[in-house]
Protein backbone atom coordinates (compact mmCIF):
# COMPACT_ATOMS: atom_id res chain seq x y z
CA MET A 1 56.74 14.57 61.01
CA THR A 2 53.29 13.04 60.95
CA SER A 3 51.47 11.61 63.86
CA ILE A 4 48.22 9.66 63.96
CA LEU A 5 45.94 10.53 66.84
CA PRO A 6 43.03 8.54 68.24
CA PRO A 7 39.48 9.92 67.51
CA VAL A 8 38.57 12.97 69.55
CA PHE A 9 34.93 13.15 68.68
CA GLY A 10 32.36 10.93 66.93
CA SER A 11 32.78 7.32 66.11
CA GLY A 12 36.00 5.30 65.78
CA LYS A 13 35.97 5.91 62.05
CA TRP A 14 37.38 9.42 62.49
CA ARG A 15 41.14 9.85 62.29
CA ILE A 16 43.04 13.10 62.62
CA ILE A 17 46.46 13.23 60.97
CA ALA A 18 48.40 16.26 62.14
CA LYS A 19 51.35 17.33 60.06
CA ARG A 20 53.62 20.16 61.11
CA SER A 21 54.20 22.46 58.21
CA SER A 22 56.08 25.28 59.92
CA GLU A 23 57.09 26.59 63.33
CA ASN A 24 53.95 28.65 63.81
CA PHE A 25 51.31 26.65 61.91
CA GLN A 26 50.19 23.13 61.65
CA THR A 27 48.02 21.56 58.94
CA THR A 28 45.51 18.97 60.12
CA TYR A 29 43.89 16.54 57.67
CA LEU A 30 40.64 14.91 58.64
CA PHE A 31 39.99 11.42 57.21
CA LEU A 32 36.83 9.44 57.21
CA ASP A 33 37.19 5.80 56.00
CA GLY A 34 40.53 6.71 54.34
CA ARG A 35 39.12 9.66 52.43
CA GLN A 36 40.20 13.23 53.13
CA VAL A 37 37.05 15.26 53.98
CA GLY A 38 38.57 18.32 55.55
CA THR A 39 41.74 20.39 55.83
CA LYS A 40 42.44 23.12 58.28
CA VAL A 41 45.44 25.32 59.04
CA MET A 42 45.67 26.49 62.65
CA PRO A 43 48.09 28.13 64.97
CA THR A 44 49.83 25.49 67.06
CA ARG A 45 49.01 27.58 70.17
CA PHE A 46 45.35 26.52 69.85
CA PRO A 47 45.51 22.97 68.46
CA LEU A 48 42.33 21.75 70.10
CA ARG A 49 40.01 24.75 70.05
CA TYR A 50 40.10 24.85 66.26
CA ASN A 51 38.93 21.23 66.04
CA SER A 52 35.42 22.56 66.29
CA GLY A 53 35.82 23.75 62.70
CA PHE A 54 35.71 20.10 61.48
CA PRO A 55 32.39 18.60 60.42
CA PHE A 56 32.01 16.19 63.30
């Protein structure tokens, strides 16, 4: 299941598409103007704290 979330940081061009890959982990793809510029796998227990790893 894929959900599109509004921008958390930066300008309105940032979009975070979070895709659940397993029970314990979630893979988040960071897109800028439709291009994937970053990918991070994080424990779902800390979905927001790990956002600092993205190049905002």
